[in-house]
Amino acid sequence: MDILFNPILYQTVVASMAALAVIVFIALQRITPGYGILYNSKWGPAISNRTGWIIMEAPVFFAMLLLWLMSPRRAEAAPAAMASLFLLHYFQRSFIFPLMLRGNSRMPVAIVISGIIFNLINAYMLGGWIFYVSPPGSYPASWLASPMFITGTAVFFAGMAINWQSDHIVRHLRKPGDTRHYIPRGGMFRYVTSANYFGEFLEWTGFAILTWSAAGAVFALWTFANLAPRAAATHRRYIREFGDEYSSLGRKYILPFIY
């Protein structure tokens, strides 16, 4: 692990990911990954949405778990609490969320592969910082009572609740056998087109606060860079499909009242 988490290598990865997030945000203004409601067969071979989500998300769950179990800090309370929050998110995303999906949507294999790579790099950044790179004593047990941890955890769970509620709303827009598109309503959909993305961004903003780390901040930045352009594309799709019925709702893309 000493070679893998060499400080220079680690800092280079974190800095590179921060710079790449900006590039990706700009690129996604013109390129829309073709999955979900924006599925496009031009992205190449595809597999079922359920299978794609499991394959894409499960590796990061096991990567973080492995980094935790192999660390000499594995029994420390604060790092263990941080890792548990991370694993809670990805357990739901890997093994519960895919099984609740309805319909027969497809996900391009290219999206799955890029998602795996992205997720593993994030496990390296976050798990590396929490368990290997942060100076010894950075996260004593007393960190669990710090303003950063308490505030960040509250924000994390608020984001998780919004994300789960929004996914529930979207899943129940259609009755079995129905293939039409409907406007999501209720919850944070009152304010934004992509309430589920807002919830996920809020989660990782909370995680950045509770870890008070550059790695956490870069992950939150990446979440926004990846999801905000997609939220904008979904917004435009709804306006094309529903016209004034949708545009009159005055929703923002992903951040209530802001963007």
Protein backbone atom coordinates (compact mmCIF):
# COMPACT_ATOMS: atom_id res chain seq x y z
CA MET A 1 0.00 0.00 0.00
CA ASP A 2 2.96 2.35 0.52
CA ILE A 3 3.59 2.51 -3.23
CA LEU A 4 -0.11 2.85 -4.08
CA PHE A 5 -0.56 5.72 -1.63
CA ASN A 6 2.74 7.49 -2.15
CA PRO A 7 1.90 11.12 -1.25
CA ILE A 8 3.17 12.52 -4.55
CA LEU A 9 1.22 9.98 -6.61
CA TYR A 10 -1.89 10.48 -4.51
CA GLN A 11 -1.78 14.28 -4.70
CA THR A 12 -1.19 14.09 -8.45
CA VAL A 13 -4.30 11.93 -8.89
CA VAL A 14 -6.46 14.27 -6.80
CA ALA A 15 -5.22 17.38 -8.62
CA SER A 16 -5.65 15.70 -12.01
CA MET A 17 -9.21 14.68 -11.15
CA ALA A 18 -10.05 18.25 -10.15
CA ALA A 19 -8.76 19.58 -13.46
CA LEU A 20 -10.45 16.81 -15.41
CA ALA A 21 -13.79 17.58 -13.74
CA VAL A 22 -13.71 21.06 -15.27
CA ILE A 23 -12.87 19.64 -18.70
CA VAL A 24 -15.64 17.05 -18.44
CA PHE A 25 -18.19 19.69 -17.42
CA ILE A 26 -17.33 21.70 -20.52
CA ALA A 27 -17.32 18.63 -22.80
CA LEU A 28 -20.70 17.43 -21.55
CA GLN A 29 -22.29 20.66 -22.70
CA ARG A 30 -21.99 19.17 -26.19
CA ILE A 31 -21.91 15.42 -25.52
CA THR A 32 -24.77 13.69 -23.71
CA PRO A 33 -24.06 10.17 -22.35
CA GLY A 34 -26.76 7.99 -23.85
CA TYR A 35 -28.42 6.13 -21.00
CA GLY A 36 -31.68 6.40 -19.05
CA ILE A 37 -34.22 8.76 -20.61
CA LEU A 38 -31.44 10.00 -22.90
CA TYR A 39 -30.52 6.52 -24.16
CA ASN A 40 -28.91 6.53 -27.60
CA SER A 41 -27.93 3.41 -29.52
CA LYS A 42 -25.07 5.35 -31.12
CA TRP A 43 -23.10 4.69 -27.93
CA GLY A 44 -22.62 1.09 -29.08
CA PRO A 45 -23.46 -2.32 -27.59
CA ALA A 46 -25.76 -2.19 -24.59
CA ILE A 47 -26.89 -4.43 -21.75
CA SER A 48 -29.94 -4.30 -19.51
CA ASN A 49 -30.14 -1.30 -17.21
CA ARG A 50 -30.29 -3.50 -14.10
CA THR A 51 -27.19 -5.46 -15.03
CA GLY A 52 -25.37 -2.31 -16.08
CA TRP A 53 -25.98 -0.58 -12.75
CA ILE A 54 -24.81 -3.58 -10.73
CA ILE A 55 -21.64 -4.07 -12.78
CA MET A 56 -20.87 -0.34 -12.74
CA GLU A 57 -21.47 0.35 -9.05
CA ALA A 58 -20.50 -2.85 -7.21
CA PRO A 59 -16.71 -2.58 -7.77
CA VAL A 60 -16.47 0.67 -5.80
CA PHE A 61 -18.33 -0.90 -2.88
CA PHE A 62 -15.85 -3.75 -2.66
CA ALA A 63 -12.86 -1.47 -3.33
CA MET A 64 -13.70 0.78 -0.39
CA LEU A 65 -14.42 -2.23 1.82
CA LEU A 66 -11.03 -3.72 0.92
CA LEU A 67 -9.19 -0.46 1.60
CA TRP A 68 -10.91 -0.29 4.99
CA LEU A 69 -10.18 -3.88 6.00
CA MET A 70 -6.52 -3.72 4.90
CA SER A 71 -5.78 -0.47 6.71
CA PRO A 72 -3.98 -0.31 10.07
CA ARG A 73 -6.59 2.33 10.94
CA ARG A 74 -9.52 -0.02 10.33
CA ALA A 75 -10.59 -0.06 13.99
CA GLU A 76 -10.57 3.73 14.42
CA ALA A 77 -14.09 5.05 15.01
CA ALA A 78 -14.15 8.16 12.81
CA PRO A 79 -12.62 6.58 9.67
CA ALA A 80 -14.92 3.57 10.14
CA ALA A 81 -17.96 5.88 10.35
CA MET A 82 -16.92 7.70 7.17
CA ALA A 83 -16.39 4.47 5.27
CA SER A 84 -19.74 3.16 6.53
CA LEU A 85 -21.56 6.17 5.06
CA PHE A 86 -19.79 5.67 1.73
CA LEU A 87 -20.64 1.96 1.72
CA LEU A 88 -24.26 2.65 2.67
CA HIS A 89 -24.68 4.78 -0.44
CA TYR A 90 -23.04 2.26 -2.74
CA PHE A 91 -24.74 -0.78 -1.21
CA GLN A 92 -28.08 0.80 -2.07
CA ARG A 93 -26.82 1.88 -5.48
CA SER A 94 -25.25 -1.50 -6.33
CA PHE A 95 -27.63 -4.08 -4.92
CA ILE A 96 -30.99 -2.45 -4.15
CA PHE A 97 -31.59 0.36 -6.64
CA PRO A 98 -31.02 -1.84 -9.75
CA LEU A 99 -33.53 -4.42 -8.54
CA MET A 100 -36.22 -1.77 -8.17
CA LEU A 101 -35.84 -0.50 -11.74
CA ARG A 102 -38.85 -0.96 -13.97
CA GLY A 103 -39.12 -1.40 -17.71
CA ASN A 104 -36.57 -2.77 -20.16
CA SER A 105 -34.17 0.13 -20.55
CA ARG A 106 -30.66 -0.47 -21.85
CA MET A 107 -27.28 0.90 -20.82
CA PRO A 108 -24.33 1.15 -23.25
CA VAL A 109 -21.33 -0.97 -22.27
CA ALA A 110 -19.13 2.11 -22.83
CA ILE A 111 -21.02 3.91 -20.05
CA VAL A 112 -20.62 0.92 -17.73
CA ILE A 113 -16.85 0.74 -18.30
CA SER A 114 -16.33 4.48 -17.85
CA GLY A 115 -18.45 4.34 -14.68
CA ILE A 116 -16.34 1.53 -13.22
CA ILE A 117 -13.11 3.46 -13.84
CA PHE A 118 -14.52 6.68 -12.41
CA ASN A 119 -15.86 4.92 -9.31
CA LEU A 120 -12.61 3.08 -8.60
CA ILE A 121 -10.62 6.31 -8.83
CA ASN A 122 -13.01 7.87 -6.33
CA ALA A 123 -12.58 4.91 -3.98
CA TYR A 124 -8.82 5.42 -4.29
CA MET A 125 -9.11 9.14 -3.50
CA LEU A 126 -11.55 8.89 -0.61
CA GLY A 127 -10.50 5.56 0.88
CA GLY A 128 -6.85 6.53 0.40
CA TRP A 129 -7.29 9.78 2.27
CA ILE A 130 -9.38 8.36 5.12
CA PHE A 131 -7.30 5.25 5.77
CA TYR A 132 -3.79 5.87 4.42
CA VAL A 133 -2.79 9.39 3.38
CA SER A 134 -4.28 11.70 6.00
CA PRO A 135 -1.76 12.44 8.77
CA PRO A 136 -2.07 10.10 11.78
CA GLY A 137 -4.48 11.55 14.30
CA SER A 138 -6.40 13.60 11.72
CA TYR A 139 -9.60 11.80 12.62
CA PRO A 140 -9.66 11.00 16.35
CA ALA A 141 -12.85 9.65 17.92
CA SER A 142 -13.68 13.22 18.95
CA TRP A 143 -14.05 14.08 15.23
CA LEU A 144 -17.48 12.42 15.41
CA ALA A 145 -18.64 15.30 17.64
CA SER A 146 -17.05 18.03 15.52
CA PRO A 147 -19.18 20.65 13.71
CA MET A 148 -17.81 19.41 10.36
CA PHE A 149 -18.82 15.80 10.94
CA ILE A 150 -22.24 16.60 12.39
CA THR A 151 -23.10 19.15 9.69
CA GLY A 152 -21.71 17.02 6.88
CA THR A 153 -23.56 13.93 8.06
CA ALA A 154 -26.84 15.85 8.25
CA VAL A 155 -26.32 17.15 4.70
CA PHE A 156 -25.33 13.66 3.52
CA PHE A 157 -28.52 12.06 4.85
CA ALA A 158 -30.68 14.91 3.58
CA GLY A 159 -29.23 14.32 0.11
CA MET A 160 -29.75 10.59 0.41
CA ALA A 161 -33.39 11.07 1.40
CA ILE A 162 -33.98 13.41 -1.56
CA ASN A 163 -32.23 11.00 -3.92
CA TRP A 164 -34.24 7.98 -2.77
CA GLN A 165 -37.55 9.86 -2.76
CA SER A 166 -36.90 11.23 -6.25
CA ASP A 167 -36.03 7.79 -7.61
CA HIS A 168 -39.26 6.48 -6.06
CA ILE A 169 -41.28 9.20 -7.79
CA VAL A 170 -39.70 8.45 -11.17
CA ARG A 171 -40.20 4.69 -10.80
CA HIS A 172 -43.91 5.14 -10.18
CA LEU A 173 -44.67 7.50 -13.05
CA ARG A 174 -45.86 4.61 -15.20
CA LYS A 175 -48.21 1.72 -14.70
CA PRO A 176 -47.01 -1.75 -15.80
CA GLY A 177 -46.85 -1.97 -19.58
CA ASP A 178 -47.00 1.79 -20.09
CA THR A 179 -44.15 3.25 -22.16
CA ARG A 180 -45.14 6.92 -22.21
CA HIS A 181 -43.08 9.66 -20.56
CA TYR A 182 -44.58 11.72 -17.76
CA ILE A 183 -43.51 14.84 -15.90
CA PRO A 184 -42.17 13.97 -12.42
CA ARG A 185 -43.98 15.89 -9.70
CA GLY A 186 -43.66 16.27 -5.96
CA GLY A 187 -40.67 16.35 -3.63
CA MET A 188 -37.76 18.41 -4.94
CA PHE A 189 -39.16 18.04 -8.46
CA ARG A 190 -41.13 21.15 -7.54
CA TYR A 191 -37.91 23.10 -7.96
CA VAL A 192 -35.58 21.19 -10.30
CA THR A 193 -35.78 18.90 -13.30
CA SER A 194 -33.34 16.35 -11.88
CA ALA A 195 -34.19 16.11 -8.18
CA ASN A 196 -32.42 12.75 -7.91
CA TYR A 197 -29.20 14.34 -9.17
CA PHE A 198 -29.61 17.23 -6.73
CA GLY A 199 -29.91 14.70 -3.92
CA GLU A 200 -26.77 12.87 -5.01
CA PHE A 201 -24.79 16.10 -5.29
CA LEU A 202 -25.99 17.08 -1.82
CA GLU A 203 -24.86 13.71 -0.46
CA TRP A 204 -21.30 14.12 -1.66
CA THR A 205 -21.19 17.75 -0.61
CA GLY A 206 -22.05 16.49 2.85
CA PHE A 207 -19.33 13.85 2.58
CA ALA A 208 -16.79 16.53 1.64
CA ILE A 209 -17.80 18.49 4.73
CA LEU A 210 -17.73 15.55 7.15
CA THR A 211 -14.28 14.46 5.94
CA TRP A 212 -13.12 18.09 5.48
CA SER A 213 -10.81 16.92 2.73
CA ALA A 214 -9.63 17.88 -0.74
CA ALA A 215 -10.56 14.38 -1.94
CA GLY A 216 -14.13 14.85 -0.73
CA ALA A 217 -14.33 18.26 -2.39
CA VAL A 218 -13.05 16.87 -5.69
CA PHE A 219 -15.61 14.04 -5.57
CA ALA A 220 -18.41 16.58 -4.99
CA LEU A 221 -17.03 18.70 -7.85
CA TRP A 222 -16.97 15.65 -10.13
CA THR A 223 -20.54 14.77 -9.16
CA PHE A 224 -21.70 18.21 -10.22
CA ALA A 225 -19.56 18.23 -13.38
CA ASN A 226 -21.01 14.89 -14.44
CA LEU A 227 -24.65 15.36 -13.45
CA ALA A 228 -25.36 19.07 -14.04
CA PRO A 229 -24.95 18.91 -17.86
CA ARG A 230 -27.09 15.77 -17.89
CA ALA A 231 -29.76 17.56 -15.85
CA ALA A 232 -29.68 20.40 -18.39
CA ALA A 233 -30.05 17.92 -21.28
CA THR A 234 -32.98 16.25 -19.51
CA HIS A 235 -34.57 19.68 -18.99
CA ARG A 236 -34.32 20.43 -22.71
CA ARG A 237 -35.73 16.99 -23.52
CA TYR A 238 -38.78 17.65 -21.34
CA ILE A 239 -39.36 21.04 -22.98
CA ARG A 240 -39.21 19.44 -26.44
CA GLU A 241 -41.60 16.71 -25.34
CA PHE A 242 -44.06 18.64 -23.16
CA GLY A 243 -43.63 22.22 -24.40
CA ASP A 244 -45.27 24.98 -22.38
CA GLU A 245 -46.70 22.47 -19.92
CA TYR A 246 -43.16 21.90 -18.69
CA SER A 247 -41.46 25.25 -19.27
CA SER A 248 -44.26 27.00 -17.34
CA LEU A 249 -43.21 25.09 -14.21
CA GLY A 250 -40.13 27.31 -13.95
CA ARG A 251 -37.84 24.55 -12.72
CA LYS A 252 -34.06 24.89 -12.61
CA TYR A 253 -31.82 22.08 -13.85
CA ILE A 254 -30.27 20.68 -10.68
CA LEU A 255 -29.81 23.40 -8.00
CA PRO A 256 -33.05 24.92 -6.66
CA PHE A 257 -33.39 28.64 -7.53
CA ILE A 258 -29.81 28.74 -8.87
CA TYR A 259 -29.02 26.49 -11.86
